[in-house]
Amino acid sequence: MAAHKYRRKVKPYRKPATNKMSELDQYPELTEYLRGRGHSDEEIALILAELHQIDEGVMIDSVMDSIDLGDFDIEEIIKAALGEK
């Protein structure tokens, strides 16, 4: 993919500790794999938070690429976000 002039850095994302168990329950295969590698639940929660941050960045990059390709209309996105649709 070509570099995109609208790309922005995603702020670090950390899930609150209160959501740790539900987060671990959402990804049982990954959680078991990480436990098998000797990671604690706290470490697994941090790893999952990092994956969410990466996922958010990839999603934003994908949307920006789609706008560049003309697949998404930025004006429609703006109108929808501002309730002008």
C-alpha atoms as a PDB file:
ATOM      1  CA  MET A   1       0.000   0.000   0.000  1.00  0.00           C
ATOM      2  CA  ALA A   2       1.152   3.481  -0.732  1.00  0.00           C
ATOM      3  CA  ALA A   3       1.881   5.882   2.091  1.00  0.00           C
ATOM      4  CA  HIS A   4      -1.109   7.986   2.943  1.00  0.00           C
ATOM      5  CA  LYS A   5      -0.853  11.690   3.681  1.00  0.00           C
ATOM      6  CA  TYR A   6      -3.779  11.572   6.135  1.00  0.00           C
ATOM      7  CA  ARG A   7      -2.412   8.806   8.347  1.00  0.00           C
ATOM      8  CA  ARG A   8      -2.288   9.667  12.004  1.00  0.00           C
ATOM      9  CA  LYS A   9      -0.690   8.068  14.986  1.00  0.00           C
ATOM     10  CA  VAL A  10      -3.053   6.152  17.210  1.00  0.00           C
ATOM     11  CA  LYS A  11      -2.819   6.953  20.913  1.00  0.00           C
ATOM     12  CA  PRO A  12      -1.737   4.089  23.155  1.00  0.00           C
ATOM     13  CA  TYR A  13      -4.727   2.095  24.275  1.00  0.00           C
ATOM     14  CA  ARG A  14      -4.966   0.385  27.627  1.00  0.00           C
ATOM     15  CA  LYS A  15      -8.083  -1.454  28.754  1.00  0.00           C
ATOM     16  CA  PRO A  16      -9.122  -0.856  32.367  1.00  0.00           C
ATOM     17  CA  ALA A  17      -8.239  -3.744  34.680  1.00  0.00           C
ATOM     18  CA  THR A  18     -11.933  -4.228  35.500  1.00  0.00           C
ATOM     19  CA  ASN A  19     -12.528  -5.570  31.982  1.00  0.00           C
ATOM     20  CA  LYS A  20      -9.615  -8.015  32.096  1.00  0.00           C
ATOM     21  CA  MET A  21     -11.553 -11.249  32.497  1.00  0.00           C
ATOM     22  CA  SER A  22     -14.186 -10.451  29.897  1.00  0.00           C
ATOM     23  CA  GLU A  23     -11.398  -9.499  27.503  1.00  0.00           C
ATOM     24  CA  LEU A  24      -9.637 -12.812  28.126  1.00  0.00           C
ATOM     25  CA  ASP A  25     -12.920 -14.665  27.607  1.00  0.00           C
ATOM     26  CA  GLN A  26     -13.427 -13.035  24.199  1.00  0.00           C
ATOM     27  CA  TYR A  27     -10.287 -14.620  22.755  1.00  0.00           C
ATOM     28  CA  PRO A  28     -10.054 -18.088  24.328  1.00  0.00           C
ATOM     29  CA  GLU A  29      -7.665 -19.585  21.753  1.00  0.00           C
ATOM     30  CA  LEU A  30      -5.234 -16.683  21.973  1.00  0.00           C
ATOM     31  CA  THR A  31      -5.564 -16.582  25.757  1.00  0.00           C
ATOM     32  CA  GLU A  32      -4.753 -20.298  26.051  1.00  0.00           C
ATOM     33  CA  TYR A  33      -1.826 -19.939  23.649  1.00  0.00           C
ATOM     34  CA  LEU A  34      -0.387 -17.081  25.714  1.00  0.00           C
ATOM     35  CA  ARG A  35      -0.968 -18.980  28.966  1.00  0.00           C
ATOM     36  CA  GLY A  36       0.873 -21.914  27.410  1.00  0.00           C
ATOM     37  CA  ARG A  37       3.811 -19.585  26.870  1.00  0.00           C
ATOM     38  CA  GLY A  38       3.758 -18.787  30.567  1.00  0.00           C
ATOM     39  CA  HIS A  39       2.087 -15.352  30.481  1.00  0.00           C
ATOM     40  CA  SER A  40      -0.010 -14.206  33.442  1.00  0.00           C
ATOM     41  CA  ASP A  41      -3.562 -12.890  33.024  1.00  0.00           C
ATOM     42  CA  GLU A  42      -2.245  -9.356  33.572  1.00  0.00           C
ATOM     43  CA  GLU A  43       0.334  -9.808  30.807  1.00  0.00           C
ATOM     44  CA  ILE A  44      -2.297 -11.311  28.510  1.00  0.00           C
ATOM     45  CA  ALA A  45      -4.569  -8.308  29.124  1.00  0.00           C
ATOM     46  CA  LEU A  46      -1.704  -5.990  28.115  1.00  0.00           C
ATOM     47  CA  ILE A  47      -1.002  -8.064  24.997  1.00  0.00           C
ATOM     48  CA  LEU A  48      -4.684  -7.950  24.009  1.00  0.00           C
ATOM     49  CA  ALA A  49      -4.743  -4.180  24.576  1.00  0.00           C
ATOM     50  CA  GLU A  50      -1.744  -3.855  22.255  1.00  0.00           C
ATOM     51  CA  LEU A  51      -3.531  -5.956  19.621  1.00  0.00           C
ATOM     52  CA  HIS A  52      -6.580  -3.693  19.897  1.00  0.00           C
ATOM     53  CA  GLN A  53      -4.372  -0.652  19.339  1.00  0.00           C
ATOM     54  CA  ILE A  54      -2.838  -2.238  16.258  1.00  0.00           C
ATOM     55  CA  ASP A  55      -6.284  -3.253  14.993  1.00  0.00           C
ATOM     56  CA  GLU A  56      -7.583   0.302  15.416  1.00  0.00           C
ATOM     57  CA  GLY A  57      -4.641   1.670  13.443  1.00  0.00           C
ATOM     58  CA  VAL A  58      -5.099  -0.868  10.661  1.00  0.00           C
ATOM     59  CA  MET A  59      -8.809  -0.068  10.467  1.00  0.00           C
ATOM     60  CA  ILE A  60      -8.135   3.672  10.217  1.00  0.00           C
ATOM     61  CA  ASP A  61      -5.479   3.072   7.549  1.00  0.00           C
ATOM     62  CA  SER A  62      -7.916   0.897   5.593  1.00  0.00           C
ATOM     63  CA  VAL A  63     -10.629   3.561   5.693  1.00  0.00           C
ATOM     64  CA  MET A  64      -8.160   6.237   4.567  1.00  0.00           C
ATOM     65  CA  ASP A  65      -6.991   4.015   1.694  1.00  0.00           C
ATOM     66  CA  SER A  66     -10.626   3.448   0.686  1.00  0.00           C
ATOM     67  CA  ILE A  67     -11.213   7.206   0.668  1.00  0.00           C
ATOM     68  CA  ASP A  68      -8.128   7.650  -1.538  1.00  0.00           C
ATOM     69  CA  LEU A  69      -9.411   4.972  -3.934  1.00  0.00           C
ATOM     70  CA  GLY A  70     -12.829   6.588  -4.077  1.00  0.00           C
ATOM     71  CA  ASP A  71     -14.536   3.625  -2.418  1.00  0.00           C
ATOM     72  CA  PHE A  72     -15.701   5.845   0.452  1.00  0.00           C
ATOM     73  CA  ASP A  73     -17.013   9.383   0.071  1.00  0.00           C
ATOM     74  CA  ILE A  74     -15.357  11.561   2.705  1.00  0.00           C
ATOM     75  CA  GLU A  75     -18.142  14.140   2.435  1.00  0.00           C
ATOM     76  CA  GLU A  76     -20.750  11.493   3.295  1.00  0.00           C
ATOM     77  CA  ILE A  77     -18.650  10.327   6.240  1.00  0.00           C
ATOM     78  CA  ILE A  78     -18.401  13.903   7.525  1.00  0.00           C
ATOM     79  CA  LYS A  79     -22.117  14.514   7.111  1.00  0.00           C
ATOM     80  CA  ALA A  80     -22.982  11.275   8.907  1.00  0.00           C
ATOM     81  CA  ALA A  81     -20.607  12.065  11.766  1.00  0.00           C
ATOM     82  CA  LEU A  82     -22.099  15.529  12.194  1.00  0.00           C
ATOM     83  CA  GLY A  83     -25.684  14.329  11.888  1.00  0.00           C
ATOM     84  CA  GLU A  84     -26.236  16.195   8.630  1.00  0.00           C
ATOM     85  CA  LYS A  85     -27.294  13.198   6.575  1.00  0.00           C
END
